[in-house]
Amino acid sequence: MKILAAVLLVFIFSSAVVAQTAPDTIFYNKDWKKTYSAYYTYYRTINRADGKFNVEDHYRSGQIQMRGSFLALEPKEVEDGHFTYYTESGIKTRDEYFKDGLLEGDYLSYDTAGHLMLKMFFKHDKWDGHRTAYYSSGVIYRDEIYADGEFVSGHVYNEKGKEVKFFPREEMPVYPGGDAAMAEFVSTHLEYPDIAKKLGIQGTVKVKFVLGTEGKVEDVGIAETENIVLNDAAMDVVRKLQKFKPAQQEGRLVKFSYILPIVFKIK
């Protein structure tokens, strides 16, 4: 009986250990919202060890999408350690390092062929030190230096490795005269709807639009509104805006999505 009791005790203890170390599984839809197992696009397995949640996210096919560790998962995820991301075909796309929820250390990004495209260093969640971008051939394309998140200096090279005139990675669109001039234009050209005035309707309408590569306002629509009576007037004044200096990315003119709050207030 003592031998049987000992065997049972060992079995119970072993079962408890297995229960503690067996991974939890959570299912997600394409937007990474929790869902039922029958409708998932991704799934996550979680192992608890050494005070951390060791996580693997997978595509529905079973191919790993991300591997990393967290100090906490809810109510807010707190990353801690090395994170690696993959395409569904198994090609690594990114390496990141975290400490207590903040990016800390190297950050490496790869193209879909697995070539290193970007290497930079983070300190307390801010760029610090070299930020180096590469052509797919491995030749350095851009080498910049940052301190505490602020740009210090940089160099740009062609595909043969010859230095060319430096240009910023990104340039935001600029309205003629700046934001103050744009606010003045809206203030003087906004036509308050008569029906809104009579009913005492006030509020803010957030107008979304696209700036084309020539800086023209395009595809005007409503992102958010406090009263639909104000919508048409808000969109009309945005359509009247002058051409912006267009956005640029890596020296090329690009389209830019914009949201502009238009405030209606009866004086």
C-alpha atoms as a PDB file:
ATOM      1  CA  MET A   1       0.000   0.000   0.000  1.00  0.00           C
ATOM      2  CA  LYS A   2       2.879   2.394   0.769  1.00  0.00           C
ATOM      3  CA  ILE A   3       4.408   1.681  -2.655  1.00  0.00           C
ATOM      4  CA  LEU A   4       1.038   2.272  -4.363  1.00  0.00           C
ATOM      5  CA  ALA A   5       0.533   5.515  -2.426  1.00  0.00           C
ATOM      6  CA  ALA A   6       3.988   6.695  -3.439  1.00  0.00           C
ATOM      7  CA  VAL A   7       3.296   5.896  -7.107  1.00  0.00           C
ATOM      8  CA  LEU A   8      -0.001   7.754  -6.939  1.00  0.00           C
ATOM      9  CA  LEU A   9       1.713  10.709  -5.274  1.00  0.00           C
ATOM     10  CA  VAL A  10       4.352  10.857  -8.022  1.00  0.00           C
ATOM     11  CA  PHE A  11       1.648  10.589 -10.703  1.00  0.00           C
ATOM     12  CA  ILE A  12      -0.389  13.391  -9.144  1.00  0.00           C
ATOM     13  CA  PHE A  13       2.709  15.594  -8.791  1.00  0.00           C
ATOM     14  CA  SER A  14       3.750  14.926 -12.399  1.00  0.00           C
ATOM     15  CA  SER A  15       0.259  15.737 -13.632  1.00  0.00           C
ATOM     16  CA  ALA A  16       0.338  19.025 -11.738  1.00  0.00           C
ATOM     17  CA  VAL A  17       3.680  19.956 -13.327  1.00  0.00           C
ATOM     18  CA  VAL A  18       2.357  19.119 -16.805  1.00  0.00           C
ATOM     19  CA  ALA A  19      -0.749  21.221 -16.149  1.00  0.00           C
ATOM     20  CA  GLN A  20       1.394  24.189 -15.118  1.00  0.00           C
ATOM     21  CA  THR A  21       3.711  24.011 -18.122  1.00  0.00           C
ATOM     22  CA  ALA A  22       1.242  23.025 -20.854  1.00  0.00           C
ATOM     23  CA  PRO A  23       0.721  25.917 -23.280  1.00  0.00           C
ATOM     24  CA  ASP A  24      -2.470  27.942 -23.353  1.00  0.00           C
ATOM     25  CA  THR A  25      -3.960  28.565 -26.791  1.00  0.00           C
ATOM     26  CA  ILE A  26      -5.831  31.709 -27.880  1.00  0.00           C
ATOM     27  CA  PHE A  27      -7.461  32.186 -31.275  1.00  0.00           C
ATOM     28  CA  TYR A  28      -7.616  35.490 -33.218  1.00  0.00           C
ATOM     29  CA  ASN A  29      -9.342  36.773 -36.338  1.00  0.00           C
ATOM     30  CA  LYS A  30      -7.566  38.656 -39.150  1.00  0.00           C
ATOM     31  CA  ASP A  31      -7.666  41.867 -37.070  1.00  0.00           C
ATOM     32  CA  TRP A  32      -6.064  40.151 -34.066  1.00  0.00           C
ATOM     33  CA  LYS A  33      -9.290  40.180 -32.082  1.00  0.00           C
ATOM     34  CA  LYS A  34     -10.037  37.113 -29.976  1.00  0.00           C
ATOM     35  CA  THR A  35     -12.415  34.705 -31.663  1.00  0.00           C
ATOM     36  CA  TYR A  36     -13.694  31.135 -31.612  1.00  0.00           C
ATOM     37  CA  SER A  37     -11.460  28.335 -32.802  1.00  0.00           C
ATOM     38  CA  ALA A  38     -13.643  27.720 -35.862  1.00  0.00           C
ATOM     39  CA  TYR A  39     -13.119  31.247 -37.217  1.00  0.00           C
ATOM     40  CA  TYR A  40      -9.486  31.995 -36.471  1.00  0.00           C
ATOM     41  CA  THR A  41      -6.794  33.424 -38.761  1.00  0.00           C
ATOM     42  CA  TYR A  42      -4.009  33.283 -36.176  1.00  0.00           C
ATOM     43  CA  TYR A  43      -3.496  31.443 -32.937  1.00  0.00           C
ATOM     44  CA  ARG A  44      -1.208  31.997 -29.965  1.00  0.00           C
ATOM     45  CA  THR A  45       0.410  29.497 -27.634  1.00  0.00           C
ATOM     46  CA  ILE A  46       1.634  30.656 -24.234  1.00  0.00           C
ATOM     47  CA  ASN A  47       4.096  28.965 -21.897  1.00  0.00           C
ATOM     48  CA  ARG A  48       4.792  30.405 -18.459  1.00  0.00           C
ATOM     49  CA  ALA A  49       8.381  30.086 -17.275  1.00  0.00           C
ATOM     50  CA  ASP A  50      10.898  32.113 -15.255  1.00  0.00           C
ATOM     51  CA  GLY A  51       8.318  34.779 -14.468  1.00  0.00           C
ATOM     52  CA  LYS A  52       7.541  35.448 -18.126  1.00  0.00           C
ATOM     53  CA  PHE A  53       4.918  34.559 -20.699  1.00  0.00           C
ATOM     54  CA  ASN A  54       6.764  32.923 -23.589  1.00  0.00           C
ATOM     55  CA  VAL A  55       4.580  33.400 -26.646  1.00  0.00           C
ATOM     56  CA  GLU A  56       4.435  31.971 -30.146  1.00  0.00           C
ATOM     57  CA  ASP A  57       1.939  33.395 -32.628  1.00  0.00           C
ATOM     58  CA  HIS A  58       1.081  31.209 -35.613  1.00  0.00           C
ATOM     59  CA  TYR A  59      -0.682  31.561 -38.926  1.00  0.00           C
ATOM     60  CA  ARG A  60      -3.634  29.223 -39.414  1.00  0.00           C
ATOM     61  CA  SER A  61      -1.318  26.984 -41.440  1.00  0.00           C
ATOM     62  CA  GLY A  62       0.774  26.415 -38.315  1.00  0.00           C
ATOM     63  CA  GLN A  63       3.733  28.451 -39.570  1.00  0.00           C
ATOM     64  CA  ILE A  64       5.097  30.672 -36.822  1.00  0.00           C
ATOM     65  CA  GLN A  65       4.359  34.379 -37.193  1.00  0.00           C
ATOM     66  CA  MET A  66       6.074  35.747 -34.048  1.00  0.00           C
ATOM     67  CA  ARG A  67       8.103  34.488 -31.127  1.00  0.00           C
ATOM     68  CA  GLY A  68       8.735  36.578 -28.020  1.00  0.00           C
ATOM     69  CA  SER A  69       8.319  36.925 -24.276  1.00  0.00           C
ATOM     70  CA  PHE A  70       6.211  39.230 -22.118  1.00  0.00           C
ATOM     71  CA  LEU A  71       6.205  40.298 -18.494  1.00  0.00           C
ATOM     72  CA  ALA A  72       2.428  40.745 -18.783  1.00  0.00           C
ATOM     73  CA  LEU A  73      -0.258  40.106 -21.393  1.00  0.00           C
ATOM     74  CA  GLU A  74      -3.315  41.745 -19.845  1.00  0.00           C
ATOM     75  CA  PRO A  75      -4.646  44.334 -19.456  1.00  0.00           C
ATOM     76  CA  LYS A  76      -1.640  45.623 -21.416  1.00  0.00           C
ATOM     77  CA  GLU A  77       1.131  43.657 -23.119  1.00  0.00           C
ATOM     78  CA  VAL A  78       4.587  44.353 -21.692  1.00  0.00           C
ATOM     79  CA  GLU A  79       7.311  42.978 -23.960  1.00  0.00           C
ATOM     80  CA  ASP A  80      10.614  41.865 -22.509  1.00  0.00           C
ATOM     81  CA  GLY A  81      13.334  40.125 -24.509  1.00  0.00           C
ATOM     82  CA  HIS A  82      13.971  39.142 -28.111  1.00  0.00           C
ATOM     83  CA  PHE A  83      11.076  39.193 -30.612  1.00  0.00           C
ATOM     84  CA  THR A  84      11.265  37.649 -34.077  1.00  0.00           C
ATOM     85  CA  TYR A  85       8.673  37.911 -36.864  1.00  0.00           C
ATOM     86  CA  TYR A  86       8.154  35.731 -39.964  1.00  0.00           C
ATOM     87  CA  THR A  87       6.156  35.660 -43.181  1.00  0.00           C
ATOM     88  CA  GLU A  88       3.723  32.810 -43.746  1.00  0.00           C
ATOM     89  CA  SER A  89       6.352  31.177 -45.948  1.00  0.00           C
ATOM     90  CA  GLY A  90       8.791  31.150 -43.023  1.00  0.00           C
ATOM     91  CA  ILE A  91      11.075  34.049 -44.000  1.00  0.00           C
ATOM     92  CA  LYS A  92      12.226  36.198 -41.094  1.00  0.00           C
ATOM     93  CA  THR A  93      11.113  39.830 -41.458  1.00  0.00           C
ATOM     94  CA  ARG A  94      12.124  41.499 -38.198  1.00  0.00           C
ATOM     95  CA  ASP A  95      14.169  41.213 -35.001  1.00  0.00           C
ATOM     96  CA  GLU A  96      13.397  43.450 -32.029  1.00  0.00           C
ATOM     97  CA  TYR A  97      14.663  43.648 -28.457  1.00  0.00           C
ATOM     98  CA  PHE A  98      12.616  44.949 -25.532  1.00  0.00           C
ATOM     99  CA  LYS A  99      13.165  45.677 -21.878  1.00  0.00           C
ATOM    100  CA  ASP A 100      10.174  46.239 -19.625  1.00  0.00           C
ATOM    101  CA  GLY A 101       7.948  47.207 -22.548  1.00  0.00           C
ATOM    102  CA  LEU A 102      10.395  49.570 -24.248  1.00  0.00           C
ATOM    103  CA  LEU A 103      12.520  48.962 -27.339  1.00  0.00           C
ATOM    104  CA  GLU A 104      16.070  48.496 -26.108  1.00  0.00           C
ATOM    105  CA  GLY A 105      18.919  47.374 -28.356  1.00  0.00           C
ATOM    106  CA  ASP A 106      19.171  46.316 -31.982  1.00  0.00           C
ATOM    107  CA  TYR A 107      16.282  46.466 -34.420  1.00  0.00           C
ATOM    108  CA  LEU A 108      16.712  44.540 -37.676  1.00  0.00           C
ATOM    109  CA  SER A 109      14.322  44.507 -40.638  1.00  0.00           C
ATOM    110  CA  TYR A 110      14.508  42.192 -43.666  1.00  0.00           C
ATOM    111  CA  ASP A 111      12.843  42.145 -47.082  1.00  0.00           C
ATOM    112  CA  THR A 112      10.712  39.253 -48.346  1.00  0.00           C
ATOM    113  CA  ALA A 113      13.819  37.558 -49.700  1.00  0.00           C
ATOM    114  CA  GLY A 114      15.493  37.650 -46.294  1.00  0.00           C
ATOM    115  CA  HIS A 115      17.986  40.423 -47.090  1.00  0.00           C
ATOM    116  CA  LEU A 116      18.853  42.856 -44.305  1.00  0.00           C
ATOM    117  CA  MET A 117      17.212  46.168 -45.210  1.00  0.00           C
ATOM    118  CA  LEU A 118      17.470  48.176 -42.006  1.00  0.00           C
ATOM    119  CA  LYS A 119      19.515  48.117 -38.832  1.00  0.00           C
ATOM    120  CA  MET A 120      19.166  50.568 -35.984  1.00  0.00           C
ATOM    121  CA  PHE A 121      19.578  50.832 -32.248  1.00  0.00           C
ATOM    122  CA  PHE A 122      17.034  51.853 -29.621  1.00  0.00           C
ATOM    123  CA  LYS A 123      17.675  53.260 -26.176  1.00  0.00           C
ATOM    124  CA  HIS A 124      14.641  53.659 -23.919  1.00  0.00           C
ATOM    125  CA  ASP A 125      12.318  53.347 -26.943  1.00  0.00           C
ATOM    126  CA  LYS A 126      14.113  56.080 -28.936  1.00  0.00           C
ATOM    127  CA  TRP A 127      16.512  55.896 -31.869  1.00  0.00           C
ATOM    128  CA  ASP A 128      20.051  56.237 -30.609  1.00  0.00           C
ATOM    129  CA  GLY A 129      23.268  55.763 -32.579  1.00  0.00           C
ATOM    130  CA  HIS A 130      23.401  54.534 -36.169  1.00  0.00           C
ATOM    131  CA  ARG A 131      20.352  53.898 -38.316  1.00  0.00           C
ATOM    132  CA  THR A 132      21.565  52.117 -41.454  1.00  0.00           C
ATOM    133  CA  ALA A 133      19.486  51.150 -44.497  1.00  0.00           C
ATOM    134  CA  TYR A 134      20.720  48.801 -47.234  1.00  0.00           C
ATOM    135  CA  TYR A 135      20.052  48.008 -50.863  1.00  0.00           C
ATOM    136  CA  SER A 136      19.066  44.369 -51.483  1.00  0.00           C
ATOM    137  CA  SER A 137      22.632  43.855 -52.738  1.00  0.00           C
ATOM    138  CA  GLY A 138      23.925  44.595 -49.239  1.00  0.00           C
ATOM    139  CA  VAL A 139      25.419  47.994 -50.176  1.00  0.00           C
ATOM    140  CA  ILE A 140      24.648  50.746 -47.655  1.00  0.00           C
ATOM    141  CA  TYR A 141      21.970  53.096 -48.943  1.00  0.00           C
ATOM    142  CA  ARG A 142      21.572  55.475 -46.003  1.00  0.00           C
ATOM    143  CA  ASP A 143      23.524  55.893 -42.780  1.00  0.00           C
ATOM    144  CA  GLU A 144      22.197  58.290 -40.148  1.00  0.00           C
ATOM    145  CA  ILE A 145      23.090  59.064 -36.558  1.00  0.00           C
ATOM    146  CA  TYR A 146      20.534  59.855 -33.858  1.00  0.00           C
ATOM    147  CA  ALA A 147      20.830  60.906 -30.228  1.00  0.00           C
ATOM    148  CA  ASP A 148      17.881  60.438 -27.877  1.00  0.00           C
ATOM    149  CA  GLY A 149      15.530  60.166 -30.844  1.00  0.00           C
ATOM    150  CA  GLU A 150      16.791  63.308 -32.595  1.00  0.00           C
ATOM    151  CA  PHE A 151      18.533  63.335 -35.980  1.00  0.00           C
ATOM    152  CA  VAL A 152      22.209  64.394 -35.776  1.00  0.00           C
ATOM    153  CA  SER A 153      23.743  63.731 -39.197  1.00  0.00           C
ATOM    154  CA  GLY A 154      23.484  61.446 -42.195  1.00  0.00           C
ATOM    155  CA  HIS A 155      24.846  60.232 -45.522  1.00  0.00           C
ATOM    156  CA  VAL A 156      23.165  58.768 -48.614  1.00  0.00           C
ATOM    157  CA  TYR A 157      24.817  56.483 -51.193  1.00  0.00           C
ATOM    158  CA  ASN A 158      23.934  55.159 -54.627  1.00  0.00           C
ATOM    159  CA  GLU A 159      23.896  51.433 -55.464  1.00  0.00           C
ATOM    160  CA  LYS A 160      27.595  51.536 -56.325  1.00  0.00           C
ATOM    161  CA  GLY A 161      28.426  52.869 -52.873  1.00  0.00           C
ATOM    162  CA  LYS A 162      29.167  56.422 -54.003  1.00  0.00           C
ATOM    163  CA  GLU A 163      27.925  59.173 -51.702  1.00  0.00           C
ATOM    164  CA  VAL A 164      25.267  61.499 -53.154  1.00  0.00           C
ATOM    165  CA  LYS A 165      23.656  64.684 -51.880  1.00  0.00           C
ATOM    166  CA  PHE A 166      21.824  63.994 -48.630  1.00  0.00           C
ATOM    167  CA  PHE A 167      18.026  64.205 -48.506  1.00  0.00           C
ATOM    168  CA  PRO A 168      15.678  63.430 -45.594  1.00  0.00           C
ATOM    169  CA  ARG A 169      13.979  60.038 -45.411  1.00  0.00           C
ATOM    170  CA  GLU A 170      10.574  61.646 -45.092  1.00  0.00           C
ATOM    171  CA  GLU A 171       9.207  65.139 -45.580  1.00  0.00           C
ATOM    172  CA  MET A 172       5.722  65.972 -44.385  1.00  0.00           C
ATOM    173  CA  PRO A 173       3.397  68.004 -46.607  1.00  0.00           C
ATOM    174  CA  VAL A 174       3.385  71.741 -45.892  1.00  0.00           C
ATOM    175  CA  TYR A 175       0.584  74.226 -46.506  1.00  0.00           C
ATOM    176  CA  PRO A 176       1.691  77.587 -47.978  1.00  0.00           C
ATOM    177  CA  GLY A 177       2.465  79.728 -44.956  1.00  0.00           C
ATOM    178  CA  GLY A 178       2.237  76.781 -42.572  1.00  0.00           C
ATOM    179  CA  ASP A 179      -0.473  75.553 -40.223  1.00  0.00           C
ATOM    180  CA  ALA A 180      -1.348  79.066 -39.063  1.00  0.00           C
ATOM    181  CA  ALA A 181      -2.085  80.118 -42.631  1.00  0.00           C
ATOM    182  CA  MET A 182      -4.235  77.024 -43.165  1.00  0.00           C
ATOM    183  CA  ALA A 183      -6.209  77.735 -39.973  1.00  0.00           C
ATOM    184  CA  GLU A 184      -6.743  81.342 -41.128  1.00  0.00           C
ATOM    185  CA  PHE A 185      -7.934  80.162 -44.545  1.00  0.00           C
ATOM    186  CA  VAL A 186     -10.452  77.764 -43.000  1.00  0.00           C
ATOM    187  CA  SER A 187     -11.674  80.426 -40.588  1.00  0.00           C
ATOM    188  CA  THR A 188     -12.316  82.990 -43.327  1.00  0.00           C
ATOM    189  CA  HIS A 189     -13.732  80.627 -45.966  1.00  0.00           C
ATOM    190  CA  LEU A 190     -15.889  78.323 -43.823  1.00  0.00           C
ATOM    191  CA  GLU A 191     -19.582  78.866 -44.553  1.00  0.00           C
ATOM    192  CA  TYR A 192     -21.703  78.057 -41.518  1.00  0.00           C
ATOM    193  CA  PRO A 193     -24.917  76.303 -42.677  1.00  0.00           C
ATOM    194  CA  ASP A 194     -27.991  78.488 -42.066  1.00  0.00           C
ATOM    195  CA  ILE A 195     -30.010  75.583 -40.671  1.00  0.00           C
ATOM    196  CA  ALA A 196     -27.218  74.837 -38.193  1.00  0.00           C
ATOM    197  CA  LYS A 197     -27.197  78.455 -37.028  1.00  0.00           C
ATOM    198  CA  LYS A 198     -30.968  78.517 -36.592  1.00  0.00           C
ATOM    199  CA  LEU A 199     -30.925  75.303 -34.565  1.00  0.00           C
ATOM    200  CA  GLY A 200     -27.838  76.305 -32.583  1.00  0.00           C
ATOM    201  CA  ILE A 201     -25.859  73.330 -33.853  1.00  0.00           C
ATOM    202  CA  GLN A 202     -22.146  73.416 -33.063  1.00  0.00           C
ATOM    203  CA  GLY A 203     -19.394  70.790 -33.087  1.00  0.00           C
ATOM    204  CA  THR A 204     -16.340  69.400 -34.802  1.00  0.00           C
ATOM    205  CA  VAL A 205     -16.151  67.556 -38.097  1.00  0.00           C
ATOM    206  CA  LYS A 206     -12.981  65.604 -38.872  1.00  0.00           C
ATOM    207  CA  VAL A 207     -12.472  65.688 -42.620  1.00  0.00           C
ATOM    208  CA  LYS A 208     -10.258  63.071 -44.226  1.00  0.00           C
ATOM    209  CA  PHE A 209      -8.568  63.635 -47.565  1.00  0.00           C
ATOM    210  CA  VAL A 210      -5.571  62.635 -49.633  1.00  0.00           C
ATOM    211  CA  LEU A 211      -2.839  64.963 -50.819  1.00  0.00           C
ATOM    212  CA  GLY A 212      -1.716  63.884 -54.282  1.00  0.00           C
ATOM    213  CA  THR A 213       1.882  63.855 -55.454  1.00  0.00           C
ATOM    214  CA  GLU A 214       1.361  67.409 -56.734  1.00  0.00           C
ATOM    215  CA  GLY A 215      -0.006  68.568 -53.388  1.00  0.00           C
ATOM    216  CA  LYS A 216      -3.641  68.844 -54.507  1.00  0.00           C
ATOM    217  CA  VAL A 217      -6.494  67.903 -52.173  1.00  0.00           C
ATOM    218  CA  GLU A 218      -8.215  64.691 -53.346  1.00  0.00           C
ATOM    219  CA  ASP A 219     -10.763  62.109 -52.137  1.00  0.00           C
ATOM    220  CA  VAL A 220     -12.414  64.303 -49.513  1.00  0.00           C
ATOM    221  CA  GLY A 221     -14.642  62.498 -47.017  1.00  0.00           C
ATOM    222  CA  ILE A 222     -15.771  62.405 -43.388  1.00  0.00           C
ATOM    223  CA  ALA A 223     -13.684  60.593 -40.779  1.00  0.00           C
ATOM    224  CA  GLU A 224     -15.803  61.595 -37.786  1.00  0.00           C
ATOM    225  CA  THR A 225     -18.612  64.070 -37.163  1.00  0.00           C
ATOM    226  CA  GLU A 226     -20.626  65.452 -34.281  1.00  0.00           C
ATOM    227  CA  ASN A 227     -23.539  66.431 -36.544  1.00  0.00           C
ATOM    228  CA  ILE A 228     -24.141  65.496 -40.172  1.00  0.00           C
ATOM    229  CA  VAL A 229     -25.719  68.929 -40.815  1.00  0.00           C
ATOM    230  CA  LEU A 230     -22.172  70.327 -40.694  1.00  0.00           C
ATOM    231  CA  ASN A 231     -20.544  67.768 -43.000  1.00  0.00           C
ATOM    232  CA  ASP A 232     -20.994  69.382 -46.408  1.00  0.00           C
ATOM    233  CA  ALA A 233     -19.724  72.775 -45.268  1.00  0.00           C
ATOM    234  CA  ALA A 234     -16.654  71.151 -43.681  1.00  0.00           C
ATOM    235  CA  MET A 235     -15.818  69.215 -46.852  1.00  0.00           C
ATOM    236  CA  ASP A 236     -16.403  72.276 -49.038  1.00  0.00           C
ATOM    237  CA  VAL A 237     -13.850  74.399 -47.200  1.00  0.00           C
ATOM    238  CA  VAL A 238     -11.282  71.598 -47.370  1.00  0.00           C
ATOM    239  CA  ARG A 239     -11.783  71.308 -51.139  1.00  0.00           C
ATOM    240  CA  LYS A 240     -10.923  75.017 -51.404  1.00  0.00           C
ATOM    241  CA  LEU A 241      -7.515  74.651 -49.732  1.00  0.00           C
ATOM    242  CA  GLN A 242      -4.510  75.713 -51.772  1.00  0.00           C
ATOM    243  CA  LYS A 243      -1.976  73.220 -53.035  1.00  0.00           C
ATOM    244  CA  PHE A 244       0.404  71.881 -50.374  1.00  0.00           C
ATOM    245  CA  LYS A 245       4.085  71.285 -50.804  1.00  0.00           C
ATOM    246  CA  PRO A 246       3.731  67.502 -51.361  1.00  0.00           C
ATOM    247  CA  ALA A 247       5.047  64.821 -49.070  1.00  0.00           C
ATOM    248  CA  GLN A 248       8.247  63.028 -49.940  1.00  0.00           C
ATOM    249  CA  GLN A 249       9.607  59.649 -48.944  1.00  0.00           C
ATOM    250  CA  GLU A 250      13.183  58.679 -49.741  1.00  0.00           C
ATOM    251  CA  GLY A 251      13.399  61.547 -52.219  1.00  0.00           C
ATOM    252  CA  ARG A 252      10.215  60.570 -54.092  1.00  0.00           C
ATOM    253  CA  LEU A 253       6.921  62.446 -54.137  1.00  0.00           C
ATOM    254  CA  VAL A 254       4.210  60.365 -52.450  1.00  0.00           C
ATOM    255  CA  LYS A 255       0.531  60.633 -51.599  1.00  0.00           C
ATOM    256  CA  PHE A 256      -0.330  61.492 -48.025  1.00  0.00           C
ATOM    257  CA  SER A 257      -3.494  60.805 -45.995  1.00  0.00           C
ATOM    258  CA  TYR A 258      -4.619  63.731 -43.870  1.00  0.00           C
ATOM    259  CA  ILE A 259      -7.350  64.360 -41.272  1.00  0.00           C
ATOM    260  CA  LEU A 260      -8.271  67.975 -40.533  1.00  0.00           C
ATOM    261  CA  PRO A 261     -10.673  68.932 -37.697  1.00  0.00           C
ATOM    262  CA  ILE A 262     -13.100  71.688 -38.713  1.00  0.00           C
ATOM    263  CA  VAL A 263     -14.679  73.416 -35.725  1.00  0.00           C
ATOM    264  CA  PHE A 264     -18.129  75.021 -35.967  1.00  0.00           C
ATOM    265  CA  LYS A 265     -18.877  77.459 -33.156  1.00  0.00           C
ATOM    266  CA  ILE A 266     -21.580  80.106 -33.072  1.00  0.00           C
ATOM    267  CA  LYS A 267     -20.191  83.410 -31.898  1.00  0.00           C
END
